[in-house]
Amino acid sequence: MDLRRFRALREAEMSISEIARETGTNWRTVKKCLDQPGIVVPDRGAPRKGCIPQVIVPYAPVVDAWLRTDITL
């Protein structure tokens, strides 16, 4: 997250909600970063999508076999 961008957009007369929409962050985060000059906000972590295995994975071969034998299933 680039805090200098927040300040630059604020100096360009943008509102806090406009800055939040522009940068894709919460307006409270933008306000907190602008109000406290020395704050450092860590970057977002890696997305967690795909961490939990799908429930259907063990049954996928059986379903594929059923669909190969009778497509109207």
PDB file of N, CA and C in Angstrom:
ATOM      1  N   MET A   1       0.848  -1.163   0.000  1.00  0.00           N
ATOM      2  CA  MET A   1       0.000   0.000   0.000  1.00  0.00           C
ATOM      3  C   MET A   1       0.893   1.224   0.000  1.00  0.00           C
ATOM      4  N   ASP A   2       0.673   2.114  -0.911  1.00  0.00           N
ATOM      5  CA  ASP A   2       1.527   3.279  -1.061  1.00  0.00           C
ATOM      6  C   ASP A   2       0.903   4.474  -0.346  1.00  0.00           C
ATOM      7  N   LEU A   3       1.421   4.777   0.828  1.00  0.00           N
ATOM      8  CA  LEU A   3       0.873   5.876   1.628  1.00  0.00           C
ATOM      9  C   LEU A   3       1.157   7.230   0.981  1.00  0.00           C
ATOM     10  N   ARG A   4       2.249   7.311   0.234  1.00  0.00           N
ATOM     11  CA  ARG A   4       2.544   8.574  -0.453  1.00  0.00           C
ATOM     12  C   ARG A   4       1.465   8.893  -1.474  1.00  0.00           C
ATOM     13  N   ARG A   5       0.890   7.845  -2.055  1.00  0.00           N
ATOM     14  CA  ARG A   5      -0.196   8.061  -3.022  1.00  0.00           C
ATOM     15  C   ARG A   5      -1.416   8.651  -2.326  1.00  0.00           C
ATOM     16  N   PHE A   6      -1.720   8.170  -1.101  1.00  0.00           N
ATOM     17  CA  PHE A   6      -2.833   8.741  -0.343  1.00  0.00           C
ATOM     18  C   PHE A   6      -2.642  10.240  -0.166  1.00  0.00           C
ATOM     19  N   ARG A   7      -1.440  10.605   0.261  1.00  0.00           N
ATOM     20  CA  ARG A   7      -1.170  12.025   0.520  1.00  0.00           C
ATOM     21  C   ARG A   7      -1.213  12.848  -0.763  1.00  0.00           C
ATOM     22  N   ALA A   8      -0.687  12.284  -1.842  1.00  0.00           N
ATOM     23  CA  ALA A   8      -0.705  13.004  -3.117  1.00  0.00           C
ATOM     24  C   ALA A   8      -2.138  13.220  -3.601  1.00  0.00           C
ATOM     25  N   LEU A   9      -2.976  12.191  -3.459  1.00  0.00           N
ATOM     26  CA  LEU A   9      -4.372  12.334  -3.880  1.00  0.00           C
ATOM     27  C   LEU A   9      -5.114  13.318  -2.984  1.00  0.00           C
ATOM     28  N   ARG A  10      -4.780  13.320  -1.695  1.00  0.00           N
ATOM     29  CA  ARG A  10      -5.419  14.265  -0.770  1.00  0.00           C
ATOM     30  C   ARG A  10      -5.027  15.695  -1.105  1.00  0.00           C
ATOM     31  N   GLU A  11      -3.757  15.893  -1.468  1.00  0.00           N
ATOM     32  CA  GLU A  11      -3.300  17.226  -1.860  1.00  0.00           C
ATOM     33  C   GLU A  11      -3.925  17.673  -3.175  1.00  0.00           C
ATOM     34  N   ALA A  12      -4.381  16.705  -3.969  1.00  0.00           N
ATOM     35  CA  ALA A  12      -5.062  17.020  -5.226  1.00  0.00           C
ATOM     36  C   ALA A  12      -6.549  17.264  -5.000  1.00  0.00           C
ATOM     37  N   GLU A  13      -6.919  17.529  -3.741  1.00  0.00           N
ATOM     38  CA  GLU A  13      -8.293  17.898  -3.368  1.00  0.00           C
ATOM     39  C   GLU A  13      -9.299  16.758  -3.518  1.00  0.00           C
ATOM     40  N   MET A  14      -8.854  15.514  -3.412  1.00  0.00           N
ATOM     41  CA  MET A  14      -9.789  14.392  -3.440  1.00  0.00           C
ATOM     42  C   MET A  14     -10.273  14.122  -2.025  1.00  0.00           C
ATOM     43  N   SER A  15     -11.521  13.674  -1.903  1.00  0.00           N
ATOM     44  CA  SER A  15     -12.060  13.337  -0.590  1.00  0.00           C
ATOM     45  C   SER A  15     -11.545  11.964  -0.161  1.00  0.00           C
ATOM     46  N   ILE A  16     -11.746  11.644   1.106  1.00  0.00           N
ATOM     47  CA  ILE A  16     -11.283  10.362   1.629  1.00  0.00           C
ATOM     48  C   ILE A  16     -12.002   9.205   0.943  1.00  0.00           C
ATOM     49  N   SER A  17     -13.289   9.355   0.699  1.00  0.00           N
ATOM     50  CA  SER A  17     -14.034   8.279   0.033  1.00  0.00           C
ATOM     51  C   SER A  17     -13.583   8.113  -1.422  1.00  0.00           C
ATOM     52  N   GLU A  18     -13.240   9.199  -2.091  1.00  0.00           N
ATOM     53  CA  GLU A  18     -12.737   9.103  -3.463  1.00  0.00           C
ATOM     54  C   GLU A  18     -11.374   8.410  -3.495  1.00  0.00           C
ATOM     55  N   ILE A  19     -10.527   8.724  -2.516  1.00  0.00           N
ATOM     56  CA  ILE A  19      -9.213   8.078  -2.433  1.00  0.00           C
ATOM     57  C   ILE A  19      -9.395   6.589  -2.186  1.00  0.00           C
ATOM     58  N   ALA A  20     -10.333   6.234  -1.304  1.00  0.00           N
ATOM     59  CA  ALA A  20     -10.586   4.826  -1.002  1.00  0.00           C
ATOM     60  C   ALA A  20     -11.047   4.074  -2.240  1.00  0.00           C
ATOM     61  N   ARG A  21     -11.945   4.653  -3.007  1.00  0.00           N
ATOM     62  CA  ARG A  21     -12.413   4.008  -4.235  1.00  0.00           C
ATOM     63  C   ARG A  21     -11.283   3.885  -5.247  1.00  0.00           C
ATOM     64  N   GLU A  22     -10.480   4.917  -5.368  1.00  0.00           N
ATOM     65  CA  GLU A  22      -9.381   4.934  -6.339  1.00  0.00           C
ATOM     66  C   GLU A  22      -8.332   3.863  -6.024  1.00  0.00           C
ATOM     67  N   THR A  23      -8.022   3.693  -4.747  1.00  0.00           N
ATOM     68  CA  THR A  23      -6.956   2.772  -4.352  1.00  0.00           C
ATOM     69  C   THR A  23      -7.465   1.382  -3.974  1.00  0.00           C
ATOM     70  N   GLY A  24      -8.775   1.222  -3.834  1.00  0.00           N
ATOM     71  CA  GLY A  24      -9.333  -0.076  -3.486  1.00  0.00           C
ATOM     72  C   GLY A  24      -9.153  -0.445  -2.022  1.00  0.00           C
ATOM     73  N   THR A  25      -9.088   0.555  -1.156  1.00  0.00           N
ATOM     74  CA  THR A  25      -8.958   0.295   0.273  1.00  0.00           C
ATOM     75  C   THR A  25     -10.171   0.847   1.002  1.00  0.00           C
ATOM     76  N   ASN A  26     -10.296   0.498   2.259  1.00  0.00           N
ATOM     77  CA  ASN A  26     -11.389   0.973   3.085  1.00  0.00           C
ATOM     78  C   ASN A  26     -11.171   2.448   3.413  1.00  0.00           C
ATOM     79  N   TRP A  27     -12.247   3.210   3.514  1.00  0.00           N
ATOM     80  CA  TRP A  27     -12.105   4.636   3.789  1.00  0.00           C
ATOM     81  C   TRP A  27     -11.524   4.872   5.174  1.00  0.00           C
ATOM     82  N   ARG A  28     -11.809   3.961   6.105  1.00  0.00           N
ATOM     83  CA  ARG A  28     -11.247   4.116   7.459  1.00  0.00           C
ATOM     84  C   ARG A  28      -9.729   3.969   7.441  1.00  0.00           C
ATOM     85  N   THR A  29      -9.237   3.066   6.610  1.00  0.00           N
ATOM     86  CA  THR A  29      -7.795   2.882   6.485  1.00  0.00           C
ATOM     87  C   THR A  29      -7.155   4.131   5.901  1.00  0.00           C
ATOM     88  N   VAL A  30      -7.789   4.698   4.890  1.00  0.00           N
ATOM     89  CA  VAL A  30      -7.268   5.922   4.281  1.00  0.00           C
ATOM     90  C   VAL A  30      -7.242   7.049   5.300  1.00  0.00           C
ATOM     91  N   LYS A  31      -8.318   7.199   6.038  1.00  0.00           N
ATOM     92  CA  LYS A  31      -8.391   8.265   7.039  1.00  0.00           C
ATOM     93  C   LYS A  31      -7.328   8.075   8.112  1.00  0.00           C
ATOM     94  N   LYS A  32      -7.157   6.842   8.581  1.00  0.00           N
ATOM     95  CA  LYS A  32      -6.163   6.557   9.614  1.00  0.00           C
ATOM     96  C   LYS A  32      -4.757   6.874   9.100  1.00  0.00           C
ATOM     97  N   CYS A  33      -4.467   6.522   7.866  1.00  0.00           N
ATOM     98  CA  CYS A  33      -3.138   6.764   7.306  1.00  0.00           C
ATOM     99  C   CYS A  33      -2.875   8.249   7.102  1.00  0.00           C
ATOM    100  N   LEU A  34      -3.907   8.996   6.763  1.00  0.00           N
ATOM    101  CA  LEU A  34      -3.722  10.440   6.557  1.00  0.00           C
ATOM    102  C   LEU A  34      -3.640  11.190   7.882  1.00  0.00           C
ATOM    103  N   ASP A  35      -4.336  10.708   8.910  1.00  0.00           N
ATOM    104  CA  ASP A  35      -4.337  11.388  10.202  1.00  0.00           C
ATOM    105  C   ASP A  35      -3.043  11.166  10.981  1.00  0.00           C
ATOM    106  N   GLN A  36      -2.435   9.993  10.831  1.00  0.00           N
ATOM    107  CA  GLN A  36      -1.214   9.684  11.568  1.00  0.00           C
ATOM    108  C   GLN A  36      -0.042   9.670  10.589  1.00  0.00           C
ATOM    109  N   PRO A  37       0.858  10.645  10.686  1.00  0.00           N
ATOM    110  CA  PRO A  37       1.919  10.780   9.674  1.00  0.00           C
ATOM    111  C   PRO A  37       2.925   9.631   9.656  1.00  0.00           C
ATOM    112  N   GLY A  38       3.176   8.949  10.775  1.00  0.00           N
ATOM    113  CA  GLY A  38       4.213   7.926  10.807  1.00  0.00           C
ATOM    114  C   GLY A  38       3.705   6.511  10.694  1.00  0.00           C
ATOM    115  N   ILE A  39       2.459   6.321  10.332  1.00  0.00           N
ATOM    116  CA  ILE A  39       1.871   4.974  10.314  1.00  0.00           C
ATOM    117  C   ILE A  39       2.364   4.197   9.089  1.00  0.00           C
ATOM    118  N   VAL A  40       2.606   2.912   9.296  1.00  0.00           N
ATOM    119  CA  VAL A  40       2.994   2.020   8.218  1.00  0.00           C
ATOM    120  C   VAL A  40       1.990   0.873   8.185  1.00  0.00           C
ATOM    121  N   VAL A  41       1.292   0.730   7.065  1.00  0.00           N
ATOM    122  CA  VAL A  41       0.289  -0.316   6.919  1.00  0.00           C
ATOM    123  C   VAL A  41       0.911  -1.448   6.109  1.00  0.00           C
ATOM    124  N   PRO A  42       0.913  -2.681   6.636  1.00  0.00           N
ATOM    125  CA  PRO A  42       1.512  -3.784   5.879  1.00  0.00           C
ATOM    126  C   PRO A  42       0.699  -4.115   4.642  1.00  0.00           C
ATOM    127  N   ASP A  43       1.384  -4.660   3.643  1.00  0.00           N
ATOM    128  CA  ASP A  43       0.698  -5.087   2.431  1.00  0.00           C
ATOM    129  C   ASP A  43      -0.194  -6.268   2.737  1.00  0.00           C
ATOM    130  N   ARG A  44      -1.166  -6.469   1.889  1.00  0.00           N
ATOM    131  CA  ARG A  44      -2.048  -7.616   2.055  1.00  0.00           C
ATOM    132  C   ARG A  44      -1.274  -8.892   1.786  1.00  0.00           C
ATOM    133  N   GLY A  45      -1.654  -9.944   2.471  1.00  0.00           N
ATOM    134  CA  GLY A  45      -1.004 -11.231   2.275  1.00  0.00           C
ATOM    135  C   GLY A  45      -1.473 -11.893   0.995  1.00  0.00           C
ATOM    136  N   ALA A  46      -0.944 -13.051   0.749  1.00  0.00           N
ATOM    137  CA  ALA A  46      -1.335 -13.812  -0.437  1.00  0.00           C
ATOM    138  C   ALA A  46      -2.795 -14.245  -0.298  1.00  0.00           C
ATOM    139  N   PRO A  47      -3.510 -14.330  -1.399  1.00  0.00           N
ATOM    140  CA  PRO A  47      -4.899 -14.770  -1.315  1.00  0.00           C
ATOM    141  C   PRO A  47      -4.979 -16.203  -0.809  1.00  0.00           C
ATOM    142  N   ARG A  48      -6.021 -16.499  -0.070  1.00  0.00           N
ATOM    143  CA  ARG A  48      -6.163 -17.814   0.547  1.00  0.00           C
ATOM    144  C   ARG A  48      -7.003 -18.754  -0.306  1.00  0.00           C
ATOM    145  N   LYS A  49      -7.408 -18.310  -1.462  1.00  0.00           N
ATOM    146  CA  LYS A  49      -8.247 -19.134  -2.316  1.00  0.00           C
ATOM    147  C   LYS A  49      -7.495 -20.414  -2.693  1.00  0.00           C
ATOM    148  N   GLY A  50      -8.136 -21.526  -2.519  1.00  0.00           N
ATOM    149  CA  GLY A  50      -7.533 -22.794  -2.873  1.00  0.00           C
ATOM    150  C   GLY A  50      -6.816 -23.486  -1.729  1.00  0.00           C
ATOM    151  N   CYS A  51      -6.806 -22.910  -0.553  1.00  0.00           N
ATOM    152  CA  CYS A  51      -6.131 -23.527   0.582  1.00  0.00           C
ATOM    153  C   CYS A  51      -6.883 -24.755   1.088  1.00  0.00           C
ATOM    154  N   ILE A  52      -8.192 -24.689   1.061  1.00  0.00           N
ATOM    155  CA  ILE A  52      -9.006 -25.794   1.554  1.00  0.00           C
ATOM    156  C   ILE A  52      -9.369 -26.676   0.362  1.00  0.00           C
ATOM    157  N   PRO A  53      -9.049 -27.965   0.429  1.00  0.00           N
ATOM    158  CA  PRO A  53      -9.359 -28.831  -0.713  1.00  0.00           C
ATOM    159  C   PRO A  53     -10.874 -28.966  -0.900  1.00  0.00           C
ATOM    160  N   GLN A  54     -11.269 -29.136  -2.136  1.00  0.00           N
ATOM    161  CA  GLN A  54     -12.682 -29.294  -2.438  1.00  0.00           C
ATOM    162  C   GLN A  54     -13.172 -30.650  -1.951  1.00  0.00           C
ATOM    163  N   VAL A  55     -14.411 -30.706  -1.540  1.00  0.00           N
ATOM    164  CA  VAL A  55     -15.003 -31.931  -1.010  1.00  0.00           C
ATOM    165  C   VAL A  55     -15.208 -32.956  -2.123  1.00  0.00           C
ATOM    166  N   ILE A  56     -15.444 -32.499  -3.343  1.00  0.00           N
ATOM    167  CA  ILE A  56     -15.786 -33.394  -4.450  1.00  0.00           C
ATOM    168  C   ILE A  56     -14.577 -34.124  -5.028  1.00  0.00           C
ATOM    169  N   VAL A  57     -13.374 -33.701  -4.710  1.00  0.00           N
ATOM    170  CA  VAL A  57     -12.170 -34.260  -5.332  1.00  0.00           C
ATOM    171  C   VAL A  57     -12.102 -35.785  -5.239  1.00  0.00           C
ATOM    172  N   PRO A  58     -12.364 -36.410  -4.099  1.00  0.00           N
ATOM    173  CA  PRO A  58     -12.286 -37.878  -4.069  1.00  0.00           C
ATOM    174  C   PRO A  58     -13.351 -38.562  -4.927  1.00  0.00           C
ATOM    175  N   TYR A  59     -14.454 -37.887  -5.170  1.00  0.00           N
ATOM    176  CA  TYR A  59     -15.563 -38.479  -5.908  1.00  0.00           C
ATOM    177  C   TYR A  59     -15.564 -38.107  -7.391  1.00  0.00           C
ATOM    178  N   ALA A  60     -14.667 -37.261  -7.829  1.00  0.00           N
ATOM    179  CA  ALA A  60     -14.640 -36.794  -9.211  1.00  0.00           C
ATOM    180  C   ALA A  60     -14.508 -37.929 -10.216  1.00  0.00           C
ATOM    181  N   PRO A  61     -13.639 -38.913 -10.007  1.00  0.00           N
ATOM    182  CA  PRO A  61     -13.566 -40.003 -10.992  1.00  0.00           C
ATOM    183  C   PRO A  61     -14.877 -40.780 -11.132  1.00  0.00           C
ATOM    184  N   VAL A  62     -15.588 -40.962 -10.031  1.00  0.00           N
ATOM    185  CA  VAL A  62     -16.865 -41.679 -10.082  1.00  0.00           C
ATOM    186  C   VAL A  62     -17.889 -40.869 -10.879  1.00  0.00           C
ATOM    187  N   VAL A  63     -17.968 -39.602 -10.627  1.00  0.00           N
ATOM    188  CA  VAL A  63     -18.911 -38.736 -11.351  1.00  0.00           C
ATOM    189  C   VAL A  63     -18.557 -38.696 -12.833  1.00  0.00           C
ATOM    190  N   ASP A  64     -17.264 -38.592 -13.148  1.00  0.00           N
ATOM    191  CA  ASP A  64     -16.852 -38.602 -14.555  1.00  0.00           C
ATOM    192  C   ASP A  64     -17.248 -39.907 -15.241  1.00  0.00           C
ATOM    193  N   ALA A  65     -17.093 -41.019 -14.539  1.00  0.00           N
ATOM    194  CA  ALA A  65     -17.479 -42.311 -15.107  1.00  0.00           C
ATOM    195  C   ALA A  65     -18.977 -42.365 -15.358  1.00  0.00           C
ATOM    196  N   TRP A  66     -19.769 -41.878 -14.425  1.00  0.00           N
ATOM    197  CA  TRP A  66     -21.222 -41.838 -14.619  1.00  0.00           C
ATOM    198  C   TRP A  66     -21.591 -41.005 -15.831  1.00  0.00           C
ATOM    199  N   LEU A  67     -20.963 -39.860 -15.977  1.00  0.00           N
ATOM    200  CA  LEU A  67     -21.291 -38.970 -17.099  1.00  0.00           C
ATOM    201  C   LEU A  67     -20.840 -39.568 -18.436  1.00  0.00           C
ATOM    202  N   ARG A  68     -19.741 -40.328 -18.431  1.00  0.00           N
ATOM    203  CA  ARG A  68     -19.316 -40.966 -19.665  1.00  0.00           C
ATOM    204  C   ARG A  68     -20.293 -42.072 -20.105  1.00  0.00           C
ATOM    205  N   THR A  69     -20.872 -42.771 -19.142  1.00  0.00           N
ATOM    206  CA  THR A  69     -21.807 -43.843 -19.489  1.00  0.00           C
ATOM    207  C   THR A  69     -23.172 -43.305 -19.885  1.00  0.00           C
ATOM    208  N   ASP A  70     -23.653 -42.268 -19.206  1.00  0.00           N
ATOM    209  CA  ASP A  70     -24.982 -41.729 -19.500  1.00  0.00           C
ATOM    210  C   ASP A  70     -24.935 -40.209 -19.387  1.00  0.00           C
ATOM    211  N   ILE A  71     -24.863 -39.549 -20.521  1.00  0.00           N
ATOM    212  CA  ILE A  71     -24.707 -38.085 -20.547  1.00  0.00           C
ATOM    213  C   ILE A  71     -25.939 -37.359 -20.012  1.00  0.00           C
ATOM    214  N   THR A  72     -27.105 -38.028 -20.008  1.00  0.00           N
ATOM    215  CA  THR A  72     -28.336 -37.375 -19.569  1.00  0.00           C
ATOM    216  C   THR A  72     -28.497 -37.397 -18.048  1.00  0.00           C
ATOM    217  N   LEU A  73     -27.544 -37.931 -17.342  1.00  0.00           N
ATOM    218  CA  LEU A  73     -27.636 -38.011 -15.885  1.00  0.00           C
ATOM    219  C   LEU A  73     -27.786 -36.661 -15.258  1.00  0.00           C
TER     220      LEU A  73
END
